[in-house]
């Protein structure tokens, strides 16, 4: 029976890994549709390259830091329990690799390719798994301290803080160190519009991400006996809440509408296993409003050129999700309990601190050593990639 159970768990988590892997194509198309046409090839190459580098970094370094497991043993050891540890690695890799995919959207159109690949390796190999190990594997006694102090441990079922807030706050640091795209803000204080190159591609990316998110959240149970339909319905309600509020506050703007469901889904990750569906709906709605308002503020008032709005979408909505789990997850608000608001505030603040410090170290060092911004000619062309390097012939280059 144990082998049968292990086999079913392997299939369960493998399907989750495949669904979240598919989400990375959603990241690609969301960025592809949002950036200008000259930057589309760069966006596509960057996302798949980041995922591959993330795989290597997480396999050899990151997973071991987070969970104390390495894969240097024999194949006989690796296939124990039907290779469950291997597919668990695959599943959690897709989460880890989401962090550089998030960052990619913020720094689009003016970041050098090779330094960003190096940043991906460092973030997925060291920064992300450091906090992942604290939140999901009780490293360094932090969770025990939070529980002793607040009554409960920090709860983040599917990564509102561990994945999204961490990715969004790292992205903010990278964006600030890069500076705005040339011509985005004029000397007299005006904002130069850089409209999306393709609303259909942007919408396709949003749909792929939304569908894959049900693997992201539901399969975070990791074993089939722990699966809960509550997670699925809460994800659905948060998605709807985020969409509706973004539709209204964004005045039918397609960019806001298609980021609305993502805002809701980011926010519900943390408490999707403990909230009542009405709480999830409210959580998603607040996230939708947070994205629309803060995207507008950062772009127009604060002059922060975060191309896809990943700090509002992931950084702020992810932090809100961590806090919301401590509000709508308690029994008095219709939740299942096992959380406290103070624990959620502490864990969320710690995640943001790790992201800000880690992001500053990684991008600050790369900026000082190699530079992280394209020169003026490369930025005008949309990339420092030569399309010859990705299999283009001169004839094909001319057609592009």
Protein backbone atom coordinates (compact mmCIF):
# COMPACT_ATOMS: atom_id res chain seq x y z
CA UNK A 1 0.00 0.00 0.00
CA UNK A 2 2.88 2.40 0.77
CA UNK A 3 4.30 2.00 -2.74
CA UNK A 4 0.85 2.52 -4.28
CA UNK A 5 0.34 5.61 -2.16
CA UNK A 6 3.78 6.91 -3.11
CA UNK A 7 3.01 6.31 -6.78
CA UNK A 8 -0.25 8.25 -6.60
CA UNK A 9 1.48 11.08 -4.74
CA UNK A 10 4.21 11.18 -7.39
CA UNK A 11 1.61 11.48 -10.15
CA UNK A 12 -0.31 14.10 -8.20
CA UNK A 13 2.65 16.39 -7.60
CA UNK A 14 4.05 15.72 -11.08
CA UNK A 15 0.81 17.01 -12.62
CA UNK A 16 1.12 20.08 -10.41
CA UNK A 17 4.69 20.63 -11.56
CA UNK A 18 3.60 20.40 -15.20
CA UNK A 19 0.78 22.91 -14.64
CA UNK A 20 3.11 25.40 -12.97
CA UNK A 21 5.74 24.81 -15.66
CA UNK A 22 3.06 25.81 -18.17
CA UNK A 23 2.57 29.02 -16.21
CA UNK A 24 6.04 30.10 -17.27
CA UNK A 25 4.75 30.37 -20.83
CA UNK A 26 2.13 32.66 -19.32
CA UNK A 27 4.86 34.84 -17.85
CA UNK A 28 6.48 34.92 -21.28
CA UNK A 29 3.33 35.95 -23.17
CA UNK A 30 2.30 38.46 -20.51
CA UNK A 31 5.67 40.18 -20.93
CA UNK A 32 5.63 39.69 -24.71
CA UNK A 33 2.29 41.47 -25.00
CA UNK A 34 3.21 44.30 -22.63
CA UNK A 35 6.65 45.34 -23.92
CA UNK A 36 7.19 47.13 -27.21
CA UNK A 37 7.58 45.05 -30.35
CA UNK A 38 11.35 45.57 -30.54
CA UNK A 39 11.73 43.82 -27.13
CA UNK A 40 9.57 40.77 -27.82
CA UNK A 41 12.38 38.40 -28.85
CA UNK A 42 14.37 39.35 -25.76
CA UNK A 43 11.38 38.59 -23.54
CA UNK A 44 10.87 35.14 -25.02
CA UNK A 45 14.54 34.15 -24.84
CA UNK A 46 14.90 35.54 -21.32
CA UNK A 47 12.04 33.58 -19.75
CA UNK A 48 13.09 30.16 -21.04
CA UNK A 49 16.77 30.86 -20.30
CA UNK A 50 15.93 31.99 -16.77
CA UNK A 51 13.98 28.78 -16.19
CA UNK A 52 16.85 26.60 -17.36
CA UNK A 53 19.41 28.43 -15.23
CA UNK A 54 16.99 28.23 -12.29
CA UNK A 55 16.79 24.46 -12.75
CA UNK A 56 20.55 24.05 -12.43
CA UNK A 57 20.86 26.49 -9.50
CA UNK A 58 17.99 24.91 -7.56
CA UNK A 59 19.08 21.31 -8.26
CA UNK A 60 22.67 21.75 -7.12
CA UNK A 61 22.29 24.48 -4.47
CA UNK A 62 18.85 25.93 -3.69
CA UNK A 63 16.87 22.79 -2.86
CA UNK A 64 19.62 21.66 -0.50
CA UNK A 65 19.64 25.03 1.30
CA UNK A 66 15.86 24.94 1.75
CA UNK A 67 15.34 21.27 2.58
CA UNK A 68 18.73 19.75 3.36
CA UNK A 69 18.47 17.28 0.48
CA UNK A 70 20.98 16.72 -2.30
CA UNK A 71 20.75 14.52 -5.36
CA UNK A 72 24.34 13.33 -5.50
CA UNK A 73 23.48 9.81 -4.34
CA UNK A 74 22.98 6.77 -6.54
CA UNK A 75 19.98 6.31 -8.80
CA UNK A 76 18.84 3.52 -6.44
CA UNK A 77 18.48 6.10 -3.68
CA UNK A 78 16.75 8.64 -5.92
CA UNK A 79 13.94 6.27 -6.93
CA UNK A 80 12.94 5.43 -3.37
CA UNK A 81 9.20 5.91 -2.83
CA UNK A 82 8.75 6.04 -6.62
CA UNK A 83 11.07 9.04 -6.83
CA UNK A 84 8.78 11.27 -4.78
CA UNK A 85 11.65 13.53 -3.67
CA UNK A 86 12.57 14.11 -7.31
CA UNK A 87 9.12 15.27 -8.37
CA UNK A 88 8.83 17.33 -5.20
CA UNK A 89 12.01 19.07 -6.33
CA UNK A 90 10.49 19.57 -9.81
CA UNK A 91 7.32 21.05 -8.33
CA UNK A 92 9.13 23.41 -5.97
CA UNK A 93 11.58 24.35 -8.73
CA UNK A 94 8.70 25.77 -10.74
CA UNK A 95 7.91 28.00 -7.74
CA UNK A 96 11.54 29.07 -7.34
CA UNK A 97 11.88 29.84 -11.04
CA UNK A 98 8.81 32.09 -10.83
CA UNK A 99 10.90 34.62 -8.89
CA UNK A 100 13.23 35.58 -11.79
CA UNK A 101 10.22 35.40 -14.13
CA UNK A 102 8.55 38.01 -11.94
CA UNK A 103 11.69 40.16 -11.89
CA UNK A 104 11.95 39.89 -15.67
CA UNK A 105 8.70 41.79 -16.16
CA UNK A 106 9.82 44.72 -14.03
CA UNK A 107 13.25 45.21 -15.62
CA UNK A 108 12.14 44.62 -19.21
CA UNK A 109 13.51 46.61 -22.16
CA UNK A 110 16.70 47.98 -20.61
CA UNK A 111 18.42 45.20 -18.62
CA UNK A 112 21.50 43.41 -19.92
CA UNK A 113 20.89 39.76 -20.68
CA UNK A 114 23.98 38.07 -19.18
CA UNK A 115 23.98 39.90 -15.83
CA UNK A 116 20.30 39.03 -15.47
CA UNK A 117 21.11 35.35 -16.05
CA UNK A 118 23.77 35.63 -13.32
CA UNK A 119 21.22 37.31 -11.02
CA UNK A 120 18.79 34.45 -11.66
CA UNK A 121 21.40 31.90 -10.59
CA UNK A 122 22.19 33.78 -7.39
CA UNK A 123 18.56 34.47 -6.47
CA UNK A 124 17.32 30.92 -7.06
CA UNK A 125 20.47 29.32 -5.67
CA UNK A 126 20.77 31.37 -2.47
CA UNK A 127 18.32 34.22 -1.73
CA UNK A 128 14.98 32.55 -2.40
CA UNK A 129 15.76 29.18 -0.73
CA UNK A 130 17.04 30.97 2.39
CA UNK A 131 13.55 32.32 3.10
CA UNK A 132 11.84 29.23 1.66
CA UNK A 133 13.66 27.11 4.24
CA UNK A 134 12.52 29.44 7.03
CA UNK A 135 8.86 29.52 5.98
CA UNK A 136 8.36 25.96 4.73
CA UNK A 137 11.02 23.90 6.52
CA UNK A 138 11.31 25.64 9.92
CA UNK A 139 14.97 26.60 9.53
CA UNK A 140 16.94 28.59 12.12
CA UNK A 141 14.15 28.39 14.71
CA UNK A 142 12.33 31.39 13.23
CA UNK A 143 8.94 29.69 12.92
CA UNK A 144 9.27 28.31 16.45
CA UNK A 145 10.01 31.84 17.71
CA UNK A 146 7.03 33.30 15.83
CA UNK A 147 4.76 30.60 17.25
CA UNK A 148 6.03 31.11 20.79
CA UNK A 149 5.58 34.87 20.47
CA UNK A 150 2.25 35.09 18.63
CA UNK A 151 0.56 31.77 19.31
CA UNK A 152 0.85 30.37 15.77
CA UNK A 153 3.54 29.92 13.13
CA UNK A 154 3.61 32.00 9.96
CA UNK A 155 1.23 30.41 7.42
CA UNK A 156 1.80 30.62 3.67
CA UNK A 157 0.17 27.65 2.01
CA UNK A 158 1.14 28.34 -1.62
CA UNK A 159 3.53 31.26 -1.60
CA UNK A 160 1.87 34.67 -1.48
CA UNK A 161 4.92 35.83 0.46
CA UNK A 162 7.49 33.09 -0.14
CA UNK A 163 7.22 33.35 -3.94
CA UNK A 164 5.31 36.46 -4.95
CA UNK A 165 6.22 39.07 -2.36
CA UNK A 166 9.85 37.96 -2.45
CA UNK A 167 9.90 38.17 -6.26
CA UNK A 168 8.10 41.51 -6.34
CA UNK A 169 10.34 43.21 -3.77
CA UNK A 170 13.51 41.90 -5.43
CA UNK A 171 12.14 43.31 -8.68
CA UNK A 172 11.60 46.72 -7.08
CA UNK A 173 15.25 46.88 -6.05
CA UNK A 174 16.38 45.87 -9.56
CA UNK A 175 14.09 48.45 -11.17
CA UNK A 176 15.36 51.24 -8.92
CA UNK A 177 19.00 50.33 -9.62
CA UNK A 178 18.35 50.22 -13.37
CA UNK A 179 16.43 53.46 -13.68
CA UNK A 180 13.66 54.22 -16.15
CA UNK A 181 13.69 53.41 -19.85
CA UNK A 182 15.10 56.17 -22.00
CA UNK A 183 12.34 58.63 -22.91
CA UNK A 184 9.83 57.21 -20.44
CA UNK A 185 9.82 60.41 -18.36
CA UNK A 186 10.53 63.80 -19.91
CA UNK A 187 12.48 66.62 -18.31
CA UNK A 188 9.31 68.64 -17.80
CA UNK A 189 7.78 65.82 -15.72
CA UNK A 190 5.49 64.29 -18.32
CA UNK A 191 5.06 60.54 -18.79
CA UNK A 192 5.70 59.21 -22.29
CA UNK A 193 3.24 56.45 -23.10
CA UNK A 194 4.74 53.07 -24.01
CA UNK A 195 1.55 51.15 -24.87
CA UNK A 196 1.46 47.32 -24.92
CA UNK A 197 2.53 45.82 -28.23
CA UNK A 198 -0.18 43.14 -28.24
CA UNK A 199 -3.29 42.98 -26.08
CA UNK A 200 -4.09 39.45 -27.40
CA UNK A 201 -0.66 38.16 -26.29
CA UNK A 202 -1.06 39.92 -22.93
CA UNK A 203 -4.50 38.33 -22.49
CA UNK A 204 -3.16 34.91 -23.53
CA UNK A 205 -0.44 35.19 -20.89
CA UNK A 206 -2.99 36.12 -18.23
CA UNK A 207 -5.23 33.17 -19.14
CA UNK A 208 -2.36 30.67 -19.12
CA UNK A 209 -1.26 31.92 -15.72
CA UNK A 210 -4.81 31.84 -14.34
CA UNK A 211 -5.43 28.25 -15.42
CA UNK A 212 -2.03 27.03 -14.25
CA UNK A 213 -2.58 28.71 -10.88
CA UNK A 214 -4.98 25.96 -9.86
CA UNK A 215 -2.00 23.61 -10.01
CA UNK A 216 0.09 26.18 -8.17
CA UNK A 217 -2.40 26.35 -5.30
CA UNK A 218 -4.23 23.02 -5.17
CA UNK A 219 -1.13 20.85 -5.65
CA UNK A 220 0.67 22.72 -2.89
CA UNK A 221 -0.89 20.03 -0.69
CA UNK A 222 1.95 17.88 -2.16
CA UNK A 223 0.27 14.57 -1.29
CA UNK A 224 -3.08 13.44 -2.63
CA UNK A 225 -4.56 12.69 0.78
CA UNK A 226 -4.23 16.37 1.71
CA UNK A 227 -5.97 17.76 -1.37
CA UNK A 228 -8.82 20.17 -0.62
CA UNK A 229 -11.58 21.48 -2.85
CA UNK A 230 -11.64 24.55 -0.61
CA UNK A 231 -8.32 25.63 -2.13
CA UNK A 232 -9.72 25.37 -5.66
CA UNK A 233 -12.89 27.33 -4.93
CA UNK A 234 -11.05 29.98 -2.92
CA UNK A 235 -8.65 30.44 -5.84
CA UNK A 236 -11.62 30.81 -8.18
CA UNK A 237 -13.33 33.37 -5.94
CA UNK A 238 -10.18 35.44 -5.51
CA UNK A 239 -9.61 35.39 -9.25
CA UNK A 240 -13.15 36.66 -9.84
CA UNK A 241 -12.87 39.32 -7.15
CA UNK A 242 -9.61 40.65 -8.54
CA UNK A 243 -10.98 40.77 -12.07
CA UNK A 244 -14.21 42.57 -11.20
CA UNK A 245 -12.57 45.24 -9.06
CA UNK A 246 -9.81 45.83 -11.63
CA UNK A 247 -12.47 46.12 -14.33
CA UNK A 248 -14.35 48.79 -12.40
CA UNK A 249 -11.42 50.79 -11.01
CA UNK A 250 -9.41 50.42 -14.21
CA UNK A 251 -12.31 51.75 -16.28
CA UNK A 252 -12.30 48.73 -18.60
CA UNK A 253 -8.62 49.15 -19.46
CA UNK A 254 -7.57 45.74 -20.87
CA UNK A 255 -4.19 45.86 -19.15
CA UNK A 256 -5.82 46.27 -15.75
CA UNK A 257 -8.57 43.76 -16.50
CA UNK A 258 -6.14 40.98 -17.39
CA UNK A 259 -3.89 41.67 -14.42
CA UNK A 260 -6.87 41.71 -12.05
CA UNK A 261 -7.25 37.92 -11.85
CA UNK A 262 -3.51 37.57 -11.31
CA UNK A 263 -3.63 40.05 -8.42
CA UNK A 264 -6.42 38.07 -6.79
CA UNK A 265 -4.63 34.76 -7.26
CA UNK A 266 -1.35 36.13 -5.89
CA UNK A 267 -3.13 37.31 -2.75
CA UNK A 268 -5.09 34.15 -2.05
CA UNK A 269 -2.12 31.76 -2.22
CA UNK A 270 -1.21 32.13 1.46
CA UNK A 271 -4.65 31.47 2.94
CA UNK A 272 -6.38 29.50 0.21
CA UNK A 273 -6.49 26.39 2.41
CA UNK A 274 -8.06 28.08 5.44
CA UNK A 275 -10.29 30.94 4.24
CA UNK A 276 -14.04 30.88 3.62
CA UNK A 277 -14.81 31.54 -0.08
CA UNK A 278 -16.34 34.91 0.80
CA UNK A 279 -13.10 35.87 2.53
CA UNK A 280 -11.21 34.77 -0.58
CA UNK A 281 -13.49 36.93 -2.75
CA UNK A 282 -12.77 39.97 -0.58
CA UNK A 283 -9.05 39.18 -0.52
CA UNK A 284 -9.00 39.04 -4.31
CA UNK A 285 -11.04 42.22 -4.65
CA UNK A 286 -8.72 44.19 -2.39
CA UNK A 287 -5.75 42.87 -4.38
CA UNK A 288 -7.36 44.01 -7.64
CA UNK A 289 -7.81 47.51 -6.21
CA UNK A 290 -4.29 47.51 -4.82
CA UNK A 291 -2.82 46.70 -8.21
CA UNK A 292 -4.76 49.33 -10.16
CA UNK A 293 -4.12 52.12 -7.66
CA UNK A 294 -0.47 51.36 -6.97
CA UNK A 295 0.45 50.67 -10.59
CA UNK A 296 -0.88 54.13 -11.45
CA UNK A 297 0.89 55.76 -8.52
CA UNK A 298 4.27 54.11 -9.15
CA UNK A 299 4.25 54.85 -12.87
CA UNK A 300 2.80 58.36 -12.91
CA UNK A 301 3.52 59.94 -9.54
CA UNK A 302 6.66 58.20 -8.28
CA UNK A 303 8.18 57.78 -11.77
CA UNK A 304 9.18 54.14 -11.11
CA UNK A 305 9.38 52.42 -14.49
CA UNK A 306 8.22 48.95 -13.49
CA UNK A 307 7.18 47.78 -16.95
CA UNK A 308 4.66 45.07 -16.03
CA UNK A 309 3.87 46.49 -12.60
CA UNK A 310 5.37 43.47 -10.85
CA UNK A 311 5.98 45.28 -7.56
CA UNK A 312 2.30 46.21 -7.15
CA UNK A 313 1.11 42.88 -8.58
CA UNK A 314 3.45 40.49 -6.76
CA UNK A 315 5.25 42.54 -4.11
CA UNK A 316 2.26 44.38 -2.66
CA UNK A 317 -0.51 41.90 -3.46
CA UNK A 318 1.69 39.09 -2.16
CA UNK A 319 2.29 40.96 1.09
CA UNK A 320 -1.44 41.67 1.34
CA UNK A 321 -2.10 37.96 0.84
CA UNK A 322 0.16 37.05 3.75
CA UNK A 323 -1.67 39.53 5.97
CA UNK A 324 -5.12 38.56 4.64
CA UNK A 325 -4.53 34.95 5.71
CA UNK A 326 -4.30 36.27 9.27
CA UNK A 327 -7.57 38.15 8.88
CA UNK A 328 -9.89 35.85 6.92
CA UNK A 329 -8.28 32.60 8.07
CA UNK A 330 -9.33 32.97 11.71
CA UNK A 331 -12.48 31.20 12.88
CA UNK A 332 -14.25 34.43 13.81
CA UNK A 333 -14.10 35.42 10.12
CA UNK A 334 -15.37 32.04 8.90
CA UNK A 335 -11.93 30.47 8.40
CA UNK A 336 -10.48 27.25 9.71
CA UNK A 337 -8.18 28.90 12.24
CA UNK A 338 -4.59 28.04 13.08
CA UNK A 339 -3.35 31.54 12.19
CA UNK A 340 -2.90 34.87 13.92
CA UNK A 341 -2.61 38.31 12.38
CA UNK A 342 0.56 39.06 14.33
CA UNK A 343 2.27 35.91 13.04
CA UNK A 344 1.32 36.81 9.49
CA UNK A 345 2.63 40.34 9.88
CA UNK A 346 5.93 39.03 11.26
CA UNK A 347 6.42 36.45 8.51
CA UNK A 348 5.46 38.88 5.77
CA UNK A 349 7.84 41.55 7.08
CA UNK A 350 10.65 39.01 7.25
CA UNK A 351 10.04 37.90 3.67
CA UNK A 352 10.16 41.50 2.45
CA UNK A 353 13.38 42.14 4.41
CA UNK A 354 15.10 39.08 2.93
CA UNK A 355 14.00 40.12 -0.58
CA UNK A 356 15.15 43.73 -0.23
CA UNK A 357 18.52 42.84 1.32
CA UNK A 358 19.13 39.92 -1.04
CA UNK A 359 18.07 41.91 -4.08
CA UNK A 360 20.30 44.82 -3.11
CA UNK A 361 23.30 42.52 -2.65
CA UNK A 362 22.77 40.64 -5.93
CA UNK A 363 21.90 43.54 -8.22
CA UNK A 364 24.13 46.05 -6.44
CA UNK A 365 27.14 43.76 -6.84
CA UNK A 366 26.37 42.98 -10.49
CA UNK A 367 25.87 46.67 -11.23
CA UNK A 368 29.21 47.57 -9.65
CA UNK A 369 31.13 44.74 -11.33
CA UNK A 370 29.59 44.39 -14.79
CA UNK A 371 26.82 46.92 -15.24
CA UNK A 372 23.22 45.81 -15.54
CA UNK A 373 21.83 48.31 -18.05
CA UNK A 374 21.97 48.25 -21.83
CA UNK A 375 23.87 51.03 -23.55
CA UNK A 376 21.88 53.57 -25.56
CA UNK A 377 22.22 51.75 -28.89
CA UNK A 378 21.24 48.39 -27.44
CA UNK A 379 18.26 49.88 -25.66
CA UNK A 380 17.15 51.51 -28.90
CA UNK A 381 17.36 48.10 -30.62
CA UNK A 382 15.51 46.40 -27.76
CA UNK A 383 18.20 43.94 -26.60
CA UNK A 384 21.87 43.05 -26.38
CA UNK A 385 21.01 39.64 -27.86
CA UNK A 386 22.11 38.99 -31.41
CA UNK A 387 19.33 37.16 -33.18
CA UNK A 388 22.04 35.19 -34.97
CA UNK A 389 22.67 33.55 -31.61
CA UNK A 390 19.18 32.10 -31.56
CA UNK A 391 19.28 30.42 -34.93
CA UNK A 392 18.35 33.26 -37.28
CA UNK A 393 19.76 33.46 -40.78
CA UNK A 394 20.51 36.83 -42.37
CA UNK A 395 17.40 36.39 -44.53
CA UNK A 396 15.25 35.68 -41.49
CA UNK A 397 16.80 38.65 -39.68
CA UNK A 398 15.83 40.90 -42.57
CA UNK A 399 12.24 39.66 -42.37
CA UNK A 400 12.15 40.50 -38.66
